[in-house]
Amino acid sequence: MWVRTQCKKQLVKIIRITIERNIGSKNKAALVGQFADSSLFQSNQVVLGEYKTKEDALAELTSIQDAIAKGENHVYQIQ
């Protein structure tokens, strides 16, 4: 699935999305997308968006899931 990051500066073909703690930021959670298989020297991950709470990040992840389930074939814009 193609995803445009919250900052609108990257368009990435994502193969996996996780919610992670966002240490050192006022936002407590982040959606992190993996755009290719990880290698020994590179994690191949990008922060898709940052959220004040884990629940906000989970709501965004649910919206992505709904778009996938509906078979929507477009670029998903992270909110």
PDB file of N, CA and C in Angstrom:
ATOM      1  N   MET A   1       0.833  -1.166   0.000  1.00  0.00           N
ATOM      2  CA  MET A   1       0.000   0.000   0.000  1.00  0.00           C
ATOM      3  C   MET A   1       0.887   1.242   0.000  1.00  0.00           C
ATOM      4  N   TRP A   2       0.523   2.195  -0.812  1.00  0.00           N
ATOM      5  CA  TRP A   2       1.241   3.467  -0.840  1.00  0.00           C
ATOM      6  C   TRP A   2       0.705   4.373   0.252  1.00  0.00           C
ATOM      7  N   VAL A   3       1.613   4.997   1.011  1.00  0.00           N
ATOM      8  CA  VAL A   3       1.244   5.862   2.122  1.00  0.00           C
ATOM      9  C   VAL A   3       2.049   7.154   2.025  1.00  0.00           C
ATOM     10  N   ARG A   4       1.338   8.271   2.200  1.00  0.00           N
ATOM     11  CA  ARG A   4       2.020   9.560   2.281  1.00  0.00           C
ATOM     12  C   ARG A   4       2.150   9.917   3.752  1.00  0.00           C
ATOM     13  N   THR A   5       3.347  10.294   4.166  1.00  0.00           N
ATOM     14  CA  THR A   5       3.617  10.562   5.567  1.00  0.00           C
ATOM     15  C   THR A   5       2.854  11.782   6.067  1.00  0.00           C
ATOM     16  N   GLN A   6       2.741  11.872   7.375  1.00  0.00           N
ATOM     17  CA  GLN A   6       2.020  12.958   8.021  1.00  0.00           C
ATOM     18  C   GLN A   6       2.600  14.324   7.647  1.00  0.00           C
ATOM     19  N   CYS A   7       3.905  14.396   7.480  1.00  0.00           N
ATOM     20  CA  CYS A   7       4.548  15.666   7.122  1.00  0.00           C
ATOM     21  C   CYS A   7       4.422  15.971   5.627  1.00  0.00           C
ATOM     22  N   LYS A   8       3.878  15.021   4.879  1.00  0.00           N
ATOM     23  CA  LYS A   8       3.613  15.137   3.436  1.00  0.00           C
ATOM     24  C   LYS A   8       4.884  15.211   2.581  1.00  0.00           C
ATOM     25  N   LYS A   9       6.026  14.856   3.159  1.00  0.00           N
ATOM     26  CA  LYS A   9       7.289  14.953   2.428  1.00  0.00           C
ATOM     27  C   LYS A   9       7.738  13.636   1.810  1.00  0.00           C
ATOM     28  N   GLN A  10       7.063  12.525   2.157  1.00  0.00           N
ATOM     29  CA  GLN A  10       7.462  11.225   1.620  1.00  0.00           C
ATOM     30  C   GLN A  10       6.239  10.436   1.180  1.00  0.00           C
ATOM     31  N   LEU A  11       6.408   9.715   0.096  1.00  0.00           N
ATOM     32  CA  LEU A  11       5.416   8.778  -0.405  1.00  0.00           C
ATOM     33  C   LEU A  11       6.113   7.428  -0.468  1.00  0.00           C
ATOM     34  N   VAL A  12       5.603   6.462   0.318  1.00  0.00           N
ATOM     35  CA  VAL A  12       6.326   5.215   0.525  1.00  0.00           C
ATOM     36  C   VAL A  12       5.408   4.025   0.292  1.00  0.00           C
ATOM     37  N   LYS A  13       5.926   2.992  -0.387  1.00  0.00           N
ATOM     38  CA  LYS A  13       5.173   1.748  -0.541  1.00  0.00           C
ATOM     39  C   LYS A  13       5.489   0.878   0.671  1.00  0.00           C
ATOM     40  N   ILE A  14       4.504   0.754   1.548  1.00  0.00           N
ATOM     41  CA  ILE A  14       4.679   0.118   2.844  1.00  0.00           C
ATOM     42  C   ILE A  14       4.285  -1.352   2.788  1.00  0.00           C
ATOM     43  N   ILE A  15       5.088  -2.209   3.446  1.00  0.00           N
ATOM     44  CA  ILE A  15       4.747  -3.628   3.533  1.00  0.00           C
ATOM     45  C   ILE A  15       4.341  -4.035   4.944  1.00  0.00           C
ATOM     46  N   ARG A  16       4.589  -3.150   5.934  1.00  0.00           N
ATOM     47  CA  ARG A  16       4.256  -3.465   7.326  1.00  0.00           C
ATOM     48  C   ARG A  16       4.165  -2.165   8.111  1.00  0.00           C
ATOM     49  N   ILE A  17       3.194  -2.083   9.034  1.00  0.00           N
ATOM     50  CA  ILE A  17       3.036  -0.895   9.878  1.00  0.00           C
ATOM     51  C   ILE A  17       2.932  -1.335  11.333  1.00  0.00           C
ATOM     52  N   THR A  18       3.672  -0.650  12.208  1.00  0.00           N
ATOM     53  CA  THR A  18       3.614  -0.947  13.635  1.00  0.00           C
ATOM     54  C   THR A  18       3.431   0.354  14.421  1.00  0.00           C
ATOM     55  N   ILE A  19       2.908   0.215  15.634  1.00  0.00           N
ATOM     56  CA  ILE A  19       2.830   1.339  16.567  1.00  0.00           C
ATOM     57  C   ILE A  19       3.989   1.184  17.538  1.00  0.00           C
ATOM     58  N   GLU A  20       4.760   2.256  17.695  1.00  0.00           N
ATOM     59  CA  GLU A  20       5.911   2.216  18.588  1.00  0.00           C
ATOM     60  C   GLU A  20       5.884   3.402  19.529  1.00  0.00           C
ATOM     61  N   ARG A  21       6.509   3.242  20.682  1.00  0.00           N
ATOM     62  CA  ARG A  21       6.659   4.372  21.608  1.00  0.00           C
ATOM     63  C   ARG A  21       7.580   5.393  20.977  1.00  0.00           C
ATOM     64  N   ASN A  22       7.245   6.642  21.154  1.00  0.00           N
ATOM     65  CA  ASN A  22       8.014   7.737  20.569  1.00  0.00           C
ATOM     66  C   ASN A  22       8.786   8.433  21.688  1.00  0.00           C
ATOM     67  N   ILE A  23       9.947   7.920  21.997  1.00  0.00           N
ATOM     68  CA  ILE A  23      10.746   8.403  23.119  1.00  0.00           C
ATOM     69  C   ILE A  23      11.420   9.726  22.749  1.00  0.00           C
ATOM     70  N   GLY A  24      11.378  10.682  23.684  1.00  0.00           N
ATOM     71  CA  GLY A  24      12.053  11.951  23.471  1.00  0.00           C
ATOM     72  C   GLY A  24      11.250  12.960  22.691  1.00  0.00           C
ATOM     73  N   SER A  25       9.960  12.760  22.574  1.00  0.00           N
ATOM     74  CA  SER A  25       9.095  13.681  21.847  1.00  0.00           C
ATOM     75  C   SER A  25       7.857  13.962  22.674  1.00  0.00           C
ATOM     76  N   LYS A  26       7.208  15.104  22.418  1.00  0.00           N
ATOM     77  CA  LYS A  26       5.962  15.396  23.135  1.00  0.00           C
ATOM     78  C   LYS A  26       4.856  14.444  22.709  1.00  0.00           C
ATOM     79  N   ASN A  27       4.950  13.887  21.500  1.00  0.00           N
ATOM     80  CA  ASN A  27       4.009  12.870  21.045  1.00  0.00           C
ATOM     81  C   ASN A  27       4.465  11.511  21.555  1.00  0.00           C
ATOM     82  N   LYS A  28       3.551  10.760  22.139  1.00  0.00           N
ATOM     83  CA  LYS A  28       3.905   9.528  22.843  1.00  0.00           C
ATOM     84  C   LYS A  28       3.940   8.280  21.964  1.00  0.00           C
ATOM     85  N   ALA A  29       3.326   8.341  20.771  1.00  0.00           N
ATOM     86  CA  ALA A  29       3.272   7.148  19.918  1.00  0.00           C
ATOM     87  C   ALA A  29       3.554   7.526  18.473  1.00  0.00           C
ATOM     88  N   ALA A  30       4.031   6.557  17.713  1.00  0.00           N
ATOM     89  CA  ALA A  30       4.313   6.783  16.299  1.00  0.00           C
ATOM     90  C   ALA A  30       3.892   5.564  15.487  1.00  0.00           C
ATOM     91  N   LEU A  31       3.399   5.831  14.288  1.00  0.00           N
ATOM     92  CA  LEU A  31       3.188   4.751  13.319  1.00  0.00           C
ATOM     93  C   LEU A  31       4.466   4.652  12.505  1.00  0.00           C
ATOM     94  N   VAL A  32       5.040   3.475  12.462  1.00  0.00           N
ATOM     95  CA  VAL A  32       6.292   3.250  11.739  1.00  0.00           C
ATOM     96  C   VAL A  32       6.020   2.246  10.635  1.00  0.00           C
ATOM     97  N   GLY A  33       6.410   2.605   9.422  1.00  0.00           N
ATOM     98  CA  GLY A  33       6.206   1.724   8.280  1.00  0.00           C
ATOM     99  C   GLY A  33       7.506   1.116   7.814  1.00  0.00           C
ATOM    100  N   GLN A  34       7.447  -0.140   7.444  1.00  0.00           N
ATOM    101  CA  GLN A  34       8.597  -0.821   6.866  1.00  0.00           C
ATOM    102  C   GLN A  34       8.362  -0.868   5.367  1.00  0.00           C
ATOM    103  N   PHE A  35       9.340  -0.386   4.574  1.00  0.00           N
ATOM    104  CA  PHE A  35       9.134  -0.298   3.140  1.00  0.00           C
ATOM    105  C   PHE A  35       9.896  -1.337   2.338  1.00  0.00           C
ATOM    106  N   ALA A  36      10.698  -2.147   2.970  1.00  0.00           N
ATOM    107  CA  ALA A  36      11.396  -3.247   2.310  1.00  0.00           C
ATOM    108  C   ALA A  36      11.906  -4.174   3.398  1.00  0.00           C
ATOM    109  N   ASP A  37      12.329  -5.351   3.019  1.00  0.00           N
ATOM    110  CA  ASP A  37      12.903  -6.258   4.008  1.00  0.00           C
ATOM    111  C   ASP A  37      14.127  -5.620   4.644  1.00  0.00           C
ATOM    112  N   SER A  38      14.266  -5.788   5.947  1.00  0.00           N
ATOM    113  CA  SER A  38      15.412  -5.233   6.662  1.00  0.00           C
ATOM    114  C   SER A  38      16.690  -5.963   6.260  1.00  0.00           C
ATOM    115  N   SER A  39      17.773  -5.225   6.302  1.00  0.00           N
ATOM    116  CA  SER A  39      19.070  -5.825   6.019  1.00  0.00           C
ATOM    117  C   SER A  39      19.966  -5.618   7.233  1.00  0.00           C
ATOM    118  N   LEU A  40      21.144  -6.137   7.170  1.00  0.00           N
ATOM    119  CA  LEU A  40      22.083  -6.035   8.279  1.00  0.00           C
ATOM    120  C   LEU A  40      22.460  -4.581   8.565  1.00  0.00           C
ATOM    121  N   PHE A  41      22.519  -3.750   7.528  1.00  0.00           N
ATOM    122  CA  PHE A  41      23.012  -2.388   7.678  1.00  0.00           C
ATOM    123  C   PHE A  41      21.931  -1.320   7.629  1.00  0.00           C
ATOM    124  N   GLN A  42      20.701  -1.682   7.333  1.00  0.00           N
ATOM    125  CA  GLN A  42      19.649  -0.681   7.196  1.00  0.00           C
ATOM    126  C   GLN A  42      18.316  -1.252   7.675  1.00  0.00           C
ATOM    127  N   SER A  43      17.559  -0.453   8.438  1.00  0.00           N
ATOM    128  CA  SER A  43      16.301  -0.945   8.985  1.00  0.00           C
ATOM    129  C   SER A  43      15.149  -0.820   7.993  1.00  0.00           C
ATOM    130  N   ASN A  44      15.267   0.058   7.003  1.00  0.00           N
ATOM    131  CA  ASN A  44      14.233   0.245   5.981  1.00  0.00           C
ATOM    132  C   ASN A  44      12.892   0.622   6.600  1.00  0.00           C
ATOM    133  N   GLN A  45      12.925   1.514   7.583  1.00  0.00           N
ATOM    134  CA  GLN A  45      11.712   1.973   8.241  1.00  0.00           C
ATOM    135  C   GLN A  45      11.607   3.486   8.150  1.00  0.00           C
ATOM    136  N   VAL A  46      10.366   3.964   8.201  1.00  0.00           N
ATOM    137  CA  VAL A  46      10.114   5.396   8.178  1.00  0.00           C
ATOM    138  C   VAL A  46       8.964   5.699   9.146  1.00  0.00           C
ATOM    139  N   VAL A  47       9.077   6.819   9.851  1.00  0.00           N
ATOM    140  CA  VAL A  47       7.980   7.260  10.720  1.00  0.00           C
ATOM    141  C   VAL A  47       6.904   7.847   9.813  1.00  0.00           C
ATOM    142  N   LEU A  48       5.727   7.247   9.855  1.00  0.00           N
ATOM    143  CA  LEU A  48       4.614   7.708   9.026  1.00  0.00           C
ATOM    144  C   LEU A  48       3.876   8.859   9.691  1.00  0.00           C
ATOM    145  N   GLY A  49       3.758   8.817  11.015  1.00  0.00           N
ATOM    146  CA  GLY A  49       3.062   9.863  11.743  1.00  0.00           C
ATOM    147  C   GLY A  49       3.294   9.737  13.226  1.00  0.00           C
ATOM    148  N   GLU A  50       3.150  10.857  13.937  1.00  0.00           N
ATOM    149  CA  GLU A  50       3.309  10.890  15.387  1.00  0.00           C
ATOM    150  C   GLU A  50       1.985  11.302  16.013  1.00  0.00           C
ATOM    151  N   TYR A  51       1.684  10.722  17.189  1.00  0.00           N
ATOM    152  CA  TYR A  51       0.392  10.928  17.832  1.00  0.00           C
ATOM    153  C   TYR A  51       0.564  11.164  19.327  1.00  0.00           C
ATOM    154  N   LYS A  52      -0.350  11.942  19.893  1.00  0.00           N
ATOM    155  CA  LYS A  52      -0.270  12.283  21.312  1.00  0.00           C
ATOM    156  C   LYS A  52      -0.439  11.070  22.213  1.00  0.00           C
ATOM    157  N   THR A  53      -1.268  10.115  21.766  1.00  0.00           N
ATOM    158  CA  THR A  53      -1.507   8.920  22.578  1.00  0.00           C
ATOM    159  C   THR A  53      -1.433   7.669  21.706  1.00  0.00           C
ATOM    160  N   LYS A  54      -1.255   6.547  22.380  1.00  0.00           N
ATOM    161  CA  LYS A  54      -1.263   5.260  21.679  1.00  0.00           C
ATOM    162  C   LYS A  54      -2.639   5.011  21.060  1.00  0.00           C
ATOM    163  N   GLU A  55      -3.689   5.468  21.721  1.00  0.00           N
ATOM    164  CA  GLU A  55      -5.051   5.290  21.200  1.00  0.00           C
ATOM    165  C   GLU A  55      -5.257   6.050  19.893  1.00  0.00           C
ATOM    166  N   ASP A  56      -4.671   7.259  19.784  1.00  0.00           N
ATOM    167  CA  ASP A  56      -4.758   8.025  18.530  1.00  0.00           C
ATOM    168  C   ASP A  56      -4.044   7.292  17.404  1.00  0.00           C
ATOM    169  N   ALA A  57      -2.885   6.724  17.707  1.00  0.00           N
ATOM    170  CA  ALA A  57      -2.139   5.957  16.706  1.00  0.00           C
ATOM    171  C   ALA A  57      -2.921   4.714  16.296  1.00  0.00           C
ATOM    172  N   LEU A  58      -3.553   4.072  17.263  1.00  0.00           N
ATOM    173  CA  LEU A  58      -4.356   2.888  16.978  1.00  0.00           C
ATOM    174  C   LEU A  58      -5.557   3.232  16.094  1.00  0.00           C
ATOM    175  N   ALA A  59      -6.174   4.382  16.321  1.00  0.00           N
ATOM    176  CA  ALA A  59      -7.295   4.821  15.485  1.00  0.00           C
ATOM    177  C   ALA A  59      -6.846   5.028  14.040  1.00  0.00           C
ATOM    178  N   GLU A  60      -5.669   5.610  13.844  1.00  0.00           N
ATOM    179  CA  GLU A  60      -5.145   5.803  12.490  1.00  0.00           C
ATOM    180  C   GLU A  60      -4.847   4.459  11.834  1.00  0.00           C
ATOM    181  N   LEU A  61      -4.277   3.530  12.601  1.00  0.00           N
ATOM    182  CA  LEU A  61      -3.995   2.197  12.079  1.00  0.00           C
ATOM    183  C   LEU A  61      -5.293   1.494  11.676  1.00  0.00           C
ATOM    184  N   THR A  62      -6.339   1.688  12.449  1.00  0.00           N
ATOM    185  CA  THR A  62      -7.649   1.109  12.113  1.00  0.00           C
ATOM    186  C   THR A  62      -8.184   1.705  10.816  1.00  0.00           C
ATOM    187  N   SER A  63      -7.983   2.986  10.594  1.00  0.00           N
ATOM    188  CA  SER A  63      -8.403   3.622   9.339  1.00  0.00           C
ATOM    189  C   SER A  63      -7.659   3.036   8.146  1.00  0.00           C
ATOM    190  N   ILE A  64      -6.378   2.762   8.324  1.00  0.00           N
ATOM    191  CA  ILE A  64      -5.594   2.126   7.261  1.00  0.00           C
ATOM    192  C   ILE A  64      -6.135   0.727   6.990  1.00  0.00           C
ATOM    193  N   GLN A  65      -6.414  -0.019   8.059  1.00  0.00           N
ATOM    194  CA  GLN A  65      -6.970  -1.365   7.916  1.00  0.00           C
ATOM    195  C   GLN A  65      -8.295  -1.319   7.151  1.00  0.00           C
ATOM    196  N   ASP A  66      -9.154  -0.369   7.482  1.00  0.00           N
ATOM    197  CA  ASP A  66     -10.444  -0.242   6.806  1.00  0.00           C
ATOM    198  C   ASP A  66     -10.264   0.031   5.309  1.00  0.00           C
ATOM    199  N   ALA A  67      -9.297   0.884   4.964  1.00  0.00           N
ATOM    200  CA  ALA A  67      -9.029   1.178   3.553  1.00  0.00           C
ATOM    201  C   ALA A  67      -8.550  -0.072   2.819  1.00  0.00           C
ATOM    202  N   ILE A  68      -7.718  -0.867   3.469  1.00  0.00           N
ATOM    203  CA  ILE A  68      -7.232  -2.119   2.866  1.00  0.00           C
ATOM    204  C   ILE A  68      -8.388  -3.099   2.704  1.00  0.00           C
ATOM    205  N   ALA A  69      -9.229  -3.233   3.737  1.00  0.00           N
ATOM    206  CA  ALA A  69     -10.349  -4.182   3.703  1.00  0.00           C
ATOM    207  C   ALA A  69     -11.353  -3.833   2.615  1.00  0.00           C
ATOM    208  N   LYS A  70     -11.527  -2.537   2.341  1.00  0.00           N
ATOM    209  CA  LYS A  70     -12.448  -2.102   1.292  1.00  0.00           C
ATOM    210  C   LYS A  70     -11.848  -2.267  -0.099  1.00  0.00           C
ATOM    211  N   GLY A  71     -10.582  -2.638  -0.155  1.00  0.00           N
ATOM    212  CA  GLY A  71      -9.923  -2.821  -1.442  1.00  0.00           C
ATOM    213  C   GLY A  71      -9.607  -1.513  -2.131  1.00  0.00           C
ATOM    214  N   GLU A  72      -9.554  -0.444  -1.345  1.00  0.00           N
ATOM    215  CA  GLU A  72      -9.251   0.858  -1.929  1.00  0.00           C
ATOM    216  C   GLU A  72      -7.808   0.867  -2.427  1.00  0.00           C
ATOM    217  N   ASN A  73      -7.655   1.200  -3.669  1.00  0.00           N
ATOM    218  CA  ASN A  73      -6.340   1.167  -4.304  1.00  0.00           C
ATOM    219  C   ASN A  73      -5.900   2.598  -4.610  1.00  0.00           C
ATOM    220  N   HIS A  74      -5.585   3.325  -3.558  1.00  0.00           N
ATOM    221  CA  HIS A  74      -5.134   4.700  -3.702  1.00  0.00           C
ATOM    222  C   HIS A  74      -4.044   4.977  -2.674  1.00  0.00           C
ATOM    223  N   VAL A  75      -3.494   6.161  -2.717  1.00  0.00           N
ATOM    224  CA  VAL A  75      -2.496   6.549  -1.732  1.00  0.00           C
ATOM    225  C   VAL A  75      -3.217   6.938  -0.447  1.00  0.00           C
ATOM    226  N   TYR A  76      -2.831   6.344   0.658  1.00  0.00           N
ATOM    227  CA  TYR A  76      -3.420   6.671   1.947  1.00  0.00           C
ATOM    228  C   TYR A  76      -2.649   7.832   2.562  1.00  0.00           C
ATOM    229  N   GLN A  77      -3.352   8.898   2.929  1.00  0.00           N
ATOM    230  CA  GLN A  77      -2.734  10.068   3.562  1.00  0.00           C
ATOM    231  C   GLN A  77      -2.839   9.940   5.072  1.00  0.00           C
ATOM    232  N   ILE A  78      -1.695   9.877   5.747  1.00  0.00           N
ATOM    233  CA  ILE A  78      -1.668   9.798   7.203  1.00  0.00           C
ATOM    234  C   ILE A  78      -2.168  11.128   7.782  1.00  0.00           C
ATOM    235  N   GLN A  79      -3.037  11.029   8.795  1.00  0.00           N
ATOM    236  CA  GLN A  79      -3.586  12.233   9.456  1.00  0.00           C
ATOM    237  C   GLN A  79      -2.796  12.561  10.694  1.00  0.00           C
TER     238      GLN A  79
END
